Amino acid sequence: MVQQEVLDRVFGCLADATRRQILVRLGDGPATIGELAQPVGMSLTGMKKHVQLLEDAGLVVTEKVGRSRQCRLGDAPLDEAMAWITFYQRLWARRLDGLDAYLTLRRGTKEQD
């Protein structure tokens, strides 16, 4: 999958509060779809849709265990998302440092006049 598609799916999933809550819960360990749905008062069908989006993005892995579906955290795509965020964080830090240097220089020039 192209990196941009991976990032779109990951950030799309992270944009939703329910899906972020699912990831937080799965950080404590695996859970069934029913266990994920119960605290938020959501139907199993609704929760399955959220879990499927998370699974499509690689953030969650599911496995059929008996009559239920066990969910756990996936591992790969967050590294790519963090790399993207870090790149732009550094870019903007450099730009803001440059702006700060420019404004400091301009202030110094005005004080000399």
PDB file of N, CA and C in Angstrom:
ATOM      1  N   MET A   1       0.848  -1.179   0.000  1.00  0.00           N
ATOM      2  CA  MET A   1       0.000   0.000   0.000  1.00  0.00           C
ATOM      3  C   MET A   1       0.893   1.243   0.000  1.00  0.00           C
ATOM      4  N   VAL A   2       0.493   2.250  -0.746  1.00  0.00           N
ATOM      5  CA  VAL A   2       1.247   3.496  -0.829  1.00  0.00           C
ATOM      6  C   VAL A   2       1.205   4.193   0.531  1.00  0.00           C
ATOM      7  N   GLN A   3       2.327   4.832   0.893  1.00  0.00           N
ATOM      8  CA  GLN A   3       2.426   5.447   2.213  1.00  0.00           C
ATOM      9  C   GLN A   3       1.303   6.454   2.458  1.00  0.00           C
ATOM     10  N   GLN A   4       0.944   7.248   1.455  1.00  0.00           N
ATOM     11  CA  GLN A   4      -0.115   8.244   1.638  1.00  0.00           C
ATOM     12  C   GLN A   4      -1.442   7.577   1.990  1.00  0.00           C
ATOM     13  N   GLU A   5      -1.729   6.436   1.377  1.00  0.00           N
ATOM     14  CA  GLU A   5      -2.968   5.713   1.693  1.00  0.00           C
ATOM     15  C   GLU A   5      -2.944   5.199   3.129  1.00  0.00           C
ATOM     16  N   VAL A   6      -1.793   4.723   3.568  1.00  0.00           N
ATOM     17  CA  VAL A   6      -1.645   4.248   4.951  1.00  0.00           C
ATOM     18  C   VAL A   6      -1.903   5.403   5.910  1.00  0.00           C
ATOM     19  N   LEU A   7      -1.269   6.550   5.654  1.00  0.00           N
ATOM     20  CA  LEU A   7      -1.453   7.718   6.523  1.00  0.00           C
ATOM     21  C   LEU A   7      -2.904   8.187   6.527  1.00  0.00           C
ATOM     22  N   ASP A   8      -3.541   8.195   5.352  1.00  0.00           N
ATOM     23  CA  ASP A   8      -4.947   8.609   5.286  1.00  0.00           C
ATOM     24  C   ASP A   8      -5.822   7.717   6.153  1.00  0.00           C
ATOM     25  N   ARG A   9      -5.594   6.418   6.087  1.00  0.00           N
ATOM     26  CA  ARG A   9      -6.396   5.483   6.888  1.00  0.00           C
ATOM     27  C   ARG A   9      -6.116   5.648   8.377  1.00  0.00           C
ATOM     28  N   VAL A  10      -4.851   5.764   8.740  1.00  0.00           N
ATOM     29  CA  VAL A  10      -4.495   5.903  10.157  1.00  0.00           C
ATOM     30  C   VAL A  10      -5.074   7.191  10.728  1.00  0.00           C
ATOM     31  N   PHE A  11      -4.820   8.322  10.054  1.00  0.00           N
ATOM     32  CA  PHE A  11      -5.326   9.594  10.574  1.00  0.00           C
ATOM     33  C   PHE A  11      -6.852   9.660  10.530  1.00  0.00           C
ATOM     34  N   GLY A  12      -7.463   9.009   9.530  1.00  0.00           N
ATOM     35  CA  GLY A  12      -8.923   8.934   9.487  1.00  0.00           C
ATOM     36  C   GLY A  12      -9.474   8.207  10.704  1.00  0.00           C
ATOM     37  N   CYS A  13      -8.812   7.128  11.071  1.00  0.00           N
ATOM     38  CA  CYS A  13      -9.236   6.376  12.267  1.00  0.00           C
ATOM     39  C   CYS A  13      -9.020   7.185  13.534  1.00  0.00           C
ATOM     40  N   LEU A  14      -7.881   7.843  13.621  1.00  0.00           N
ATOM     41  CA  LEU A  14      -7.564   8.603  14.831  1.00  0.00           C
ATOM     42  C   LEU A  14      -8.425   9.855  14.981  1.00  0.00           C
ATOM     43  N   ALA A  15      -9.076  10.271  13.900  1.00  0.00           N
ATOM     44  CA  ALA A  15      -9.929  11.460  13.953  1.00  0.00           C
ATOM     45  C   ALA A  15     -11.245  11.201  14.688  1.00  0.00           C
ATOM     46  N   ASP A  16     -11.571   9.946  14.910  1.00  0.00           N
ATOM     47  CA  ASP A  16     -12.836   9.591  15.538  1.00  0.00           C
ATOM     48  C   ASP A  16     -12.629   9.230  17.011  1.00  0.00           C
ATOM     49  N   ALA A  17     -13.397   9.863  17.883  1.00  0.00           N
ATOM     50  CA  ALA A  17     -13.241   9.660  19.330  1.00  0.00           C
ATOM     51  C   ALA A  17     -13.527   8.215  19.754  1.00  0.00           C
ATOM     52  N   THR A  18     -14.517   7.589  19.149  1.00  0.00           N
ATOM     53  CA  THR A  18     -14.838   6.205  19.508  1.00  0.00           C
ATOM     54  C   THR A  18     -13.680   5.283  19.159  1.00  0.00           C
ATOM     55  N   ARG A  19     -13.091   5.476  17.976  1.00  0.00           N
ATOM     56  CA  ARG A  19     -11.979   4.613  17.572  1.00  0.00           C
ATOM     57  C   ARG A  19     -10.747   4.865  18.437  1.00  0.00           C
ATOM     58  N   ARG A  20     -10.523   6.106  18.838  1.00  0.00           N
ATOM     59  CA  ARG A  20      -9.406   6.364  19.765  1.00  0.00           C
ATOM     60  C   ARG A  20      -9.665   5.672  21.093  1.00  0.00           C
ATOM     61  N   GLN A  21     -10.910   5.686  21.556  1.00  0.00           N
ATOM     62  CA  GLN A  21     -11.266   5.029  22.810  1.00  0.00           C
ATOM     63  C   GLN A  21     -11.034   3.516  22.708  1.00  0.00           C
ATOM     64  N   ILE A  22     -11.328   2.948  21.561  1.00  0.00           N
ATOM     65  CA  ILE A  22     -11.083   1.518  21.341  1.00  0.00           C
ATOM     66  C   ILE A  22      -9.593   1.227  21.460  1.00  0.00           C
ATOM     67  N   LEU A  23      -8.762   2.059  20.840  1.00  0.00           N
ATOM     68  CA  LEU A  23      -7.311   1.854  20.905  1.00  0.00           C
ATOM     69  C   LEU A  23      -6.796   1.965  22.335  1.00  0.00           C
ATOM     70  N   VAL A  24      -7.340   2.928  23.082  1.00  0.00           N
ATOM     71  CA  VAL A  24      -6.942   3.078  24.488  1.00  0.00           C
ATOM     72  C   VAL A  24      -7.314   1.814  25.258  1.00  0.00           C
ATOM     73  N   ARG A  25      -8.525   1.332  25.053  1.00  0.00           N
ATOM     74  CA  ARG A  25      -8.967   0.105  25.756  1.00  0.00           C
ATOM     75  C   ARG A  25      -8.092  -1.083  25.388  1.00  0.00           C
ATOM     76  N   LEU A  26      -7.769  -1.233  24.106  1.00  0.00           N
ATOM     77  CA  LEU A  26      -6.951  -2.366  23.686  1.00  0.00           C
ATOM     78  C   LEU A  26      -5.506  -2.231  24.162  1.00  0.00           C
ATOM     79  N   GLY A  27      -5.112  -1.047  24.564  1.00  0.00           N
ATOM     80  CA  GLY A  27      -3.796  -0.859  25.174  1.00  0.00           C
ATOM     81  C   GLY A  27      -3.686  -1.606  26.497  1.00  0.00           C
ATOM     82  N   ASP A  28      -4.826  -1.885  27.123  1.00  0.00           N
ATOM     83  CA  ASP A  28      -4.844  -2.655  28.372  1.00  0.00           C
ATOM     84  C   ASP A  28      -4.837  -4.157  28.118  1.00  0.00           C
ATOM     85  N   GLY A  29      -5.037  -4.564  26.874  1.00  0.00           N
ATOM     86  CA  GLY A  29      -5.055  -5.980  26.528  1.00  0.00           C
ATOM     87  C   GLY A  29      -6.184  -6.295  25.567  1.00  0.00           C
ATOM     88  N   PRO A  30      -6.191  -7.512  25.031  1.00  0.00           N
ATOM     89  CA  PRO A  30      -7.214  -7.914  24.064  1.00  0.00           C
ATOM     90  C   PRO A  30      -8.619  -7.841  24.649  1.00  0.00           C
ATOM     91  N   ALA A  31      -9.594  -7.676  23.747  1.00  0.00           N
ATOM     92  CA  ALA A  31     -11.005  -7.630  24.160  1.00  0.00           C
ATOM     93  C   ALA A  31     -11.865  -8.107  23.003  1.00  0.00           C
ATOM     94  N   THR A  32     -13.030  -8.622  23.342  1.00  0.00           N
ATOM     95  CA  THR A  32     -13.980  -9.003  22.301  1.00  0.00           C
ATOM     96  C   THR A  32     -14.724  -7.752  21.834  1.00  0.00           C
ATOM     97  N   ILE A  33     -15.400  -7.887  20.712  1.00  0.00           N
ATOM     98  CA  ILE A  33     -16.189  -6.757  20.215  1.00  0.00           C
ATOM     99  C   ILE A  33     -17.273  -6.398  21.224  1.00  0.00           C
ATOM    100  N   GLY A  34     -17.868  -7.394  21.854  1.00  0.00           N
ATOM    101  CA  GLY A  34     -18.869  -7.132  22.888  1.00  0.00           C
ATOM    102  C   GLY A  34     -18.296  -6.359  24.068  1.00  0.00           C
ATOM    103  N   GLU A  35     -17.102  -6.714  24.482  1.00  0.00           N
ATOM    104  CA  GLU A  35     -16.449  -6.000  25.595  1.00  0.00           C
ATOM    105  C   GLU A  35     -16.109  -4.566  25.216  1.00  0.00           C
ATOM    106  N   LEU A  36     -15.829  -4.333  23.943  1.00  0.00           N
ATOM    107  CA  LEU A  36     -15.555  -2.970  23.489  1.00  0.00           C
ATOM    108  C   LEU A  36     -16.846  -2.151  23.384  1.00  0.00           C
ATOM    109  N   ALA A  37     -17.929  -2.803  22.974  1.00  0.00           N
ATOM    110  CA  ALA A  37     -19.194  -2.103  22.754  1.00  0.00           C
ATOM    111  C   ALA A  37     -19.905  -1.747  24.053  1.00  0.00           C
ATOM    112  N   GLN A  38     -19.818  -2.603  25.054  1.00  0.00           N
ATOM    113  CA  GLN A  38     -20.595  -2.445  26.291  1.00  0.00           C
ATOM    114  C   GLN A  38     -20.357  -1.110  27.003  1.00  0.00           C
ATOM    115  N   PRO A  39     -19.113  -0.683  27.259  1.00  0.00           N
ATOM    116  CA  PRO A  39     -18.925   0.564  28.021  1.00  0.00           C
ATOM    117  C   PRO A  39     -19.437   1.818  27.313  1.00  0.00           C
ATOM    118  N   VAL A  40     -19.479   1.801  25.991  1.00  0.00           N
ATOM    119  CA  VAL A  40     -19.935   2.983  25.260  1.00  0.00           C
ATOM    120  C   VAL A  40     -21.398   2.882  24.850  1.00  0.00           C
ATOM    121  N   GLY A  41     -22.061   1.753  25.216  1.00  0.00           N
ATOM    122  CA  GLY A  41     -23.477   1.588  24.916  1.00  0.00           C
ATOM    123  C   GLY A  41     -23.762   1.499  23.423  1.00  0.00           C
ATOM    124  N   MET A  42     -22.875   0.849  22.697  1.00  0.00           N
ATOM    125  CA  MET A  42     -23.020   0.741  21.256  1.00  0.00           C
ATOM    126  C   MET A  42     -23.456  -0.673  20.888  1.00  0.00           C
ATOM    127  N   SER A  43     -24.171  -0.779  19.780  1.00  0.00           N
ATOM    128  CA  SER A  43     -24.573  -2.106  19.303  1.00  0.00           C
ATOM    129  C   SER A  43     -23.342  -2.856  18.798  1.00  0.00           C
ATOM    130  N   LEU A  44     -23.447  -4.167  18.769  1.00  0.00           N
ATOM    131  CA  LEU A  44     -22.343  -4.976  18.237  1.00  0.00           C
ATOM    132  C   LEU A  44     -22.071  -4.626  16.777  1.00  0.00           C
ATOM    133  N   THR A  45     -23.136  -4.387  16.021  1.00  0.00           N
ATOM    134  CA  THR A  45     -22.976  -4.036  14.607  1.00  0.00           C
ATOM    135  C   THR A  45     -22.215  -2.717  14.454  1.00  0.00           C
ATOM    136  N   GLY A  46     -22.560  -1.739  15.261  1.00  0.00           N
ATOM    137  CA  GLY A  46     -21.867  -0.452  15.219  1.00  0.00           C
ATOM    138  C   GLY A  46     -20.406  -0.591  15.591  1.00  0.00           C
ATOM    139  N   MET A  47     -20.136  -1.377  16.635  1.00  0.00           N
ATOM    140  CA  MET A  47     -18.751  -1.572  17.064  1.00  0.00           C
ATOM    141  C   MET A  47     -17.967  -2.335  16.009  1.00  0.00           C
ATOM    142  N   LYS A  48     -18.595  -3.317  15.369  1.00  0.00           N
ATOM    143  CA  LYS A  48     -17.919  -4.074  14.308  1.00  0.00           C
ATOM    144  C   LYS A  48     -17.449  -3.153  13.190  1.00  0.00           C
ATOM    145  N   LYS A  49     -18.255  -2.152  12.864  1.00  0.00           N
ATOM    146  CA  LYS A  49     -17.885  -1.204  11.802  1.00  0.00           C
ATOM    147  C   LYS A  49     -16.646  -0.409  12.204  1.00  0.00           C
ATOM    148  N   HIS A  50     -16.608   0.052  13.445  1.00  0.00           N
ATOM    149  CA  HIS A  50     -15.435   0.788  13.931  1.00  0.00           C
ATOM    150  C   HIS A  50     -14.200  -0.113  13.933  1.00  0.00           C
ATOM    151  N   VAL A  51     -14.360  -1.321  14.440  1.00  0.00           N
ATOM    152  CA  VAL A  51     -13.235  -2.262  14.502  1.00  0.00           C
ATOM    153  C   VAL A  51     -12.739  -2.593  13.098  1.00  0.00           C
ATOM    154  N   GLN A  52     -13.660  -2.744  12.148  1.00  0.00           N
ATOM    155  CA  GLN A  52     -13.264  -3.054  10.770  1.00  0.00           C
ATOM    156  C   GLN A  52     -12.417  -1.933  10.177  1.00  0.00           C
ATOM    157  N   LEU A  53     -12.780  -0.682  10.427  1.00  0.00           N
ATOM    158  CA  LEU A  53     -11.980   0.451   9.942  1.00  0.00           C
ATOM    159  C   LEU A  53     -10.590   0.443  10.571  1.00  0.00           C
ATOM    160  N   LEU A  54     -10.542   0.166  11.870  1.00  0.00           N
ATOM    161  CA  LEU A  54      -9.253   0.084  12.557  1.00  0.00           C
ATOM    162  C   LEU A  54      -8.415  -1.074  12.009  1.00  0.00           C
ATOM    163  N   GLU A  55      -9.082  -2.171  11.695  1.00  0.00           N
ATOM    164  CA  GLU A  55      -8.377  -3.331  11.146  1.00  0.00           C
ATOM    165  C   GLU A  55      -7.865  -3.024   9.737  1.00  0.00           C
ATOM    166  N   ASP A  56      -8.681  -2.354   8.929  1.00  0.00           N
ATOM    167  CA  ASP A  56      -8.265  -1.977   7.574  1.00  0.00           C
ATOM    168  C   ASP A  56      -7.041  -1.070   7.598  1.00  0.00           C
ATOM    169  N   ALA A  57      -6.942  -0.247   8.641  1.00  0.00           N
ATOM    170  CA  ALA A  57      -5.797   0.657   8.779  1.00  0.00           C
ATOM    171  C   ALA A  57      -4.591  -0.036   9.405  1.00  0.00           C
ATOM    172  N   GLY A  58      -4.765  -1.266   9.873  1.00  0.00           N
ATOM    173  CA  GLY A  58      -3.667  -1.995  10.495  1.00  0.00           C
ATOM    174  C   GLY A  58      -3.459  -1.655  11.962  1.00  0.00           C
ATOM    175  N   LEU A  59      -4.371  -0.880  12.538  1.00  0.00           N
ATOM    176  CA  LEU A  59      -4.235  -0.478  13.939  1.00  0.00           C
ATOM    177  C   LEU A  59      -4.739  -1.560  14.895  1.00  0.00           C
ATOM    178  N   VAL A  60      -5.605  -2.427  14.393  1.00  0.00           N
ATOM    179  CA  VAL A  60      -6.187  -3.500  15.201  1.00  0.00           C
ATOM    180  C   VAL A  60      -6.115  -4.797  14.402  1.00  0.00           C
ATOM    181  N   VAL A  61      -5.910  -5.891  15.102  1.00  0.00           N
ATOM    182  CA  VAL A  61      -5.925  -7.231  14.520  1.00  0.00           C
ATOM    183  C   VAL A  61      -7.040  -7.992  15.220  1.00  0.00           C
ATOM    184  N   THR A  62      -7.862  -8.699  14.443  1.00  0.00           N
ATOM    185  CA  THR A  62      -8.926  -9.499  15.052  1.00  0.00           C
ATOM    186  C   THR A  62      -8.737 -10.971  14.708  1.00  0.00           C
ATOM    187  N   GLU A  63      -9.292 -11.798  15.582  1.00  0.00           N
ATOM    188  CA  GLU A  63      -9.197 -13.246  15.394  1.00  0.00           C
ATOM    189  C   GLU A  63     -10.477 -13.872  15.924  1.00  0.00           C
ATOM    190  N   LYS A  64     -11.027 -14.760  15.162  1.00  0.00           N
ATOM    191  CA  LYS A  64     -12.238 -15.474  15.581  1.00  0.00           C
ATOM    192  C   LYS A  64     -11.858 -16.494  16.650  1.00  0.00           C
ATOM    193  N   VAL A  65     -12.484 -16.383  17.822  1.00  0.00           N
ATOM    194  CA  VAL A  65     -12.245 -17.310  18.928  1.00  0.00           C
ATOM    195  C   VAL A  65     -13.611 -17.821  19.370  1.00  0.00           C
ATOM    196  N   GLY A  66     -13.918 -19.061  18.981  1.00  0.00           N
ATOM    197  CA  GLY A  66     -15.245 -19.606  19.282  1.00  0.00           C
ATOM    198  C   GLY A  66     -16.303 -18.811  18.549  1.00  0.00           C
ATOM    199  N   ARG A  67     -17.265 -18.284  19.298  1.00  0.00           N
ATOM    200  CA  ARG A  67     -18.344 -17.494  18.684  1.00  0.00           C
ATOM    201  C   ARG A  67     -18.079 -15.999  18.723  1.00  0.00           C
ATOM    202  N   SER A  68     -16.971 -15.585  19.287  1.00  0.00           N
ATOM    203  CA  SER A  68     -16.688 -14.147  19.383  1.00  0.00           C
ATOM    204  C   SER A  68     -15.443 -13.787  18.571  1.00  0.00           C
ATOM    205  N   ARG A  69     -15.253 -12.506  18.384  1.00  0.00           N
ATOM    206  CA  ARG A  69     -14.092 -11.997  17.671  1.00  0.00           C
ATOM    207  C   ARG A  69     -13.219 -11.249  18.668  1.00  0.00           C
ATOM    208  N   GLN A  70     -12.002 -11.731  18.864  1.00  0.00           N
ATOM    209  CA  GLN A  70     -11.036 -11.142  19.801  1.00  0.00           C
ATOM    210  C   GLN A  70     -10.247 -10.052  19.065  1.00  0.00           C
ATOM    211  N   CYS A  71     -10.093  -8.908  19.676  1.00  0.00           N
ATOM    212  CA  CYS A  71      -9.381  -7.770  19.083  1.00  0.00           C
ATOM    213  C   CYS A  71      -8.139  -7.467  19.913  1.00  0.00           C
ATOM    214  N   ARG A  72      -7.078  -7.079  19.223  1.00  0.00           N
ATOM    215  CA  ARG A  72      -5.860  -6.612  19.909  1.00  0.00           C
ATOM    216  C   ARG A  72      -5.225  -5.537  19.044  1.00  0.00           C
ATOM    217  N   LEU A  73      -4.311  -4.800  19.628  1.00  0.00           N
ATOM    218  CA  LEU A  73      -3.642  -3.739  18.886  1.00  0.00           C
ATOM    219  C   LEU A  73      -2.766  -4.302  17.779  1.00  0.00           C
ATOM    220  N   GLY A  74      -2.770  -3.627  16.633  1.00  0.00           N
ATOM    221  CA  GLY A  74      -1.827  -3.921  15.560  1.00  0.00           C
ATOM    222  C   GLY A  74      -0.539  -3.162  15.847  1.00  0.00           C
ATOM    223  N   ASP A  75       0.433  -3.213  14.953  1.00  0.00           N
ATOM    224  CA  ASP A  75       1.695  -2.568  15.302  1.00  0.00           C
ATOM    225  C   ASP A  75       2.275  -1.631  14.255  1.00  0.00           C
ATOM    226  N   ALA A  76       2.113  -1.852  12.989  1.00  0.00           N
ATOM    227  CA  ALA A  76       2.915  -1.173  11.983  1.00  0.00           C
ATOM    228  C   ALA A  76       2.593   0.295  11.699  1.00  0.00           C
ATOM    229  N   PRO A  77       1.366   0.685  11.381  1.00  0.00           N
ATOM    230  CA  PRO A  77       1.148   2.010  10.799  1.00  0.00           C
ATOM    231  C   PRO A  77       1.448   3.204  11.690  1.00  0.00           C
ATOM    232  N   LEU A  78       1.433   3.042  12.993  1.00  0.00           N
ATOM    233  CA  LEU A  78       1.697   4.204  13.843  1.00  0.00           C
ATOM    234  C   LEU A  78       3.128   4.698  13.684  1.00  0.00           C
ATOM    235  N   ASP A  79       4.056   3.803  13.346  1.00  0.00           N
ATOM    236  CA  ASP A  79       5.433   4.238  13.112  1.00  0.00           C
ATOM    237  C   ASP A  79       5.499   5.200  11.926  1.00  0.00           C
ATOM    238  N   GLU A  80       4.768   4.893  10.864  1.00  0.00           N
ATOM    239  CA  GLU A  80       4.746   5.777   9.697  1.00  0.00           C
ATOM    240  C   GLU A  80       4.078   7.100  10.027  1.00  0.00           C
ATOM    241  N   ALA A  81       2.998   7.063  10.799  1.00  0.00           N
ATOM    242  CA  ALA A  81       2.312   8.294  11.190  1.00  0.00           C
ATOM    243  C   ALA A  81       3.221   9.157  12.063  1.00  0.00           C
ATOM    244  N   MET A  82       3.931   8.535  12.996  1.00  0.00           N
ATOM    245  CA  MET A  82       4.850   9.299  13.852  1.00  0.00           C
ATOM    246  C   MET A  82       5.998   9.903  13.038  1.00  0.00           C
ATOM    247  N   ALA A  83       6.493   9.183  12.051  1.00  0.00           N
ATOM    248  CA  ALA A  83       7.556   9.715  11.194  1.00  0.00           C
ATOM    249  C   ALA A  83       7.052  10.931  10.436  1.00  0.00           C
ATOM    250  N   TRP A  84       5.828  10.873   9.947  1.00  0.00           N
ATOM    251  CA  TRP A  84       5.236  11.992   9.210  1.00  0.00           C
ATOM    252  C   TRP A  84       5.085  13.205  10.138  1.00  0.00           C
ATOM    253  N   ILE A  85       4.558  12.966  11.330  1.00  0.00           N
ATOM    254  CA  ILE A  85       4.376  14.055  12.299  1.00  0.00           C
ATOM    255  C   ILE A  85       5.721  14.662  12.677  1.00  0.00           C
ATOM    256  N   THR A  86       6.712  13.832  12.937  1.00  0.00           N
ATOM    257  CA  THR A  86       8.043  14.314  13.326  1.00  0.00           C
ATOM    258  C   THR A  86       8.668  15.160  12.226  1.00  0.00           C
ATOM    259  N   PHE A  87       8.535  14.725  10.974  1.00  0.00           N
ATOM    260  CA  PHE A  87       9.079  15.492   9.852  1.00  0.00           C
ATOM    261  C   PHE A  87       8.497  16.903   9.841  1.00  0.00           C
ATOM    262  N   TYR A  88       7.165  17.009   9.930  1.00  0.00           N
ATOM    263  CA  TYR A  88       6.534  18.331   9.871  1.00  0.00           C
ATOM    264  C   TYR A  88       6.749  19.137  11.147  1.00  0.00           C
ATOM    265  N   GLN A  89       6.900  18.479  12.256  1.00  0.00           N
ATOM    266  CA  GLN A  89       7.211  19.185  13.495  1.00  0.00           C
ATOM    267  C   GLN A  89       8.573  19.872  13.383  1.00  0.00           C
ATOM    268  N   ARG A  90       9.550  19.158  12.851  1.00  0.00           N
ATOM    269  CA  ARG A  90      10.888  19.736  12.661  1.00  0.00           C
ATOM    270  C   ARG A  90      10.864  20.844  11.619  1.00  0.00           C
ATOM    271  N   LEU A  91      10.118  20.630  10.531  1.00  0.00           N
ATOM    272  CA  LEU A  91      10.017  21.647   9.484  1.00  0.00           C
ATOM    273  C   LEU A  91       9.472  22.951  10.051  1.00  0.00           C
ATOM    274  N   TRP A  92       8.371  22.856  10.793  1.00  0.00           N
ATOM    275  CA  TRP A  92       7.773  24.058  11.358  1.00  0.00           C
ATOM    276  C   TRP A  92       8.656  24.674  12.445  1.00  0.00           C
ATOM    277  N   ALA A  93       9.354  23.878  13.199  1.00  0.00           N
ATOM    278  CA  ALA A  93      10.269  24.417  14.217  1.00  0.00           C
ATOM    279  C   ALA A  93      11.363  25.231  13.539  1.00  0.00           C
ATOM    280  N   ARG A  94      11.921  24.712  12.433  1.00  0.00           N
ATOM    281  CA  ARG A  94      12.956  25.463  11.701  1.00  0.00           C
ATOM    282  C   ARG A  94      12.400  26.762  11.145  1.00  0.00           C
ATOM    283  N   ARG A  95      11.204  26.714  10.592  1.00  0.00           N
ATOM    284  CA  ARG A  95      10.596  27.931  10.032  1.00  0.00           C
ATOM    285  C   ARG A  95      10.333  28.963  11.123  1.00  0.00           C
ATOM    286  N   LEU A  96       9.836  28.516  12.266  1.00  0.00           N
ATOM    287  CA  LEU A  96       9.573  29.451  13.356  1.00  0.00           C
ATOM    288  C   LEU A  96      10.863  30.014  13.938  1.00  0.00           C
ATOM    289  N   ASP A  97      11.910  29.181  14.000  1.00  0.00           N
ATOM    290  CA  ASP A  97      13.214  29.681  14.450  1.00  0.00           C
ATOM    291  C   ASP A  97      13.729  30.741  13.487  1.00  0.00           C
ATOM    292  N   GLY A  98      13.548  30.525  12.190  1.00  0.00           N
ATOM    293  CA  GLY A  98      13.958  31.502  11.187  1.00  0.00           C
ATOM    294  C   GLY A  98      13.178  32.802  11.321  1.00  0.00           C
ATOM    295  N   LEU A  99      11.888  32.706  11.564  1.00  0.00           N
ATOM    296  CA  LEU A  99      11.064  33.894  11.772  1.00  0.00           C
ATOM    297  C   LEU A  99      11.511  34.642  13.018  1.00  0.00           C
ATOM    298  N   ASP A 100      11.784  33.911  14.078  1.00  0.00           N
ATOM    299  CA  ASP A 100      12.260  34.534  15.314  1.00  0.00           C
ATOM    300  C   ASP A 100      13.576  35.279  15.077  1.00  0.00           C
ATOM    301  N   ALA A 101      14.500  34.661  14.357  1.00  0.00           N
ATOM    302  CA  ALA A 101      15.788  35.309  14.063  1.00  0.00           C
ATOM    303  C   ALA A 101      15.572  36.567  13.230  1.00  0.00           C
ATOM    304  N   TYR A 102      14.678  36.499  12.259  1.00  0.00           N
ATOM    305  CA  TYR A 102      14.387  37.654  11.412  1.00  0.00           C
ATOM    306  C   TYR A 102      13.797  38.794  12.241  1.00  0.00           C
ATOM    307  N   LEU A 103      12.824  38.481  13.087  1.00  0.00           N
ATOM    308  CA  LEU A 103      12.191  39.521  13.896  1.00  0.00           C
ATOM    309  C   LEU A 103      13.169  40.117  14.897  1.00  0.00           C
ATOM    310  N   THR A 104      14.046  39.298  15.454  1.00  0.00           N
ATOM    311  CA  THR A 104      15.063  39.799  16.381  1.00  0.00           C
ATOM    312  C   THR A 104      16.001  40.752  15.646  1.00  0.00           C
ATOM    313  N   LEU A 105      16.397  40.396  14.449  1.00  0.00           N
ATOM    314  CA  LEU A 105      17.262  41.249  13.636  1.00  0.00           C
ATOM    315  C   LEU A 105      16.569  42.560  13.301  1.00  0.00           C
ATOM    316  N   ARG A 106      15.286  42.498  12.929  1.00  0.00           N
ATOM    317  CA  ARG A 106      14.529  43.708  12.593  1.00  0.00           C
ATOM    318  C   ARG A 106      14.396  44.626  13.811  1.00  0.00           C
ATOM    319  N   ARG A 107      14.159  44.029  14.984  1.00  0.00           N
ATOM    320  CA  ARG A 107      14.071  44.839  16.197  1.00  0.00           C
ATOM    321  C   ARG A 107      15.388  45.542  16.473  1.00  0.00           C
ATOM    322  N   GLY A 108      16.482  44.826  16.277  1.00  0.00           N
ATOM    323  CA  GLY A 108      17.811  45.414  16.487  1.00  0.00           C
ATOM    324  C   GLY A 108      18.083  46.553  15.513  1.00  0.00           C
ATOM    325  N   THR A 109      17.639  46.409  14.271  1.00  0.00           N
ATOM    326  CA  THR A 109      17.840  47.441  13.247  1.00  0.00           C
ATOM    327  C   THR A 109      17.026  48.671  13.610  1.00  0.00           C
ATOM    328  N   LYS A 110      15.785  48.512  14.082  1.00  0.00           N
ATOM    329  CA  LYS A 110      14.937  49.647  14.450  1.00  0.00           C
ATOM    330  C   LYS A 110      15.491  50.399  15.642  1.00  0.00           C
ATOM    331  N   GLU A 111      16.099  49.665  16.580  1.00  0.00           N
ATOM    332  CA  GLU A 111      16.660  50.312  17.775  1.00  0.00           C
ATOM    333  C   GLU A 111      17.874  51.157  17.418  1.00  0.00           C
ATOM    334  N   GLN A 112      18.597  50.799  16.355  1.00  0.00           N
ATOM    335  CA  GLN A 112      19.779  51.553  15.934  1.00  0.00           C
ATOM    336  C   GLN A 112      19.387  52.825  15.220  1.00  0.00           C
ATOM    337  N   ASP A 113      18.168  52.883  14.633  1.00  0.00           N
ATOM    338  CA  ASP A 113      17.745  54.084  13.888  1.00  0.00           C
ATOM    339  C   ASP A 113      17.423  55.213  14.763  1.00  0.00           C
TER     340      ASP A 113
END
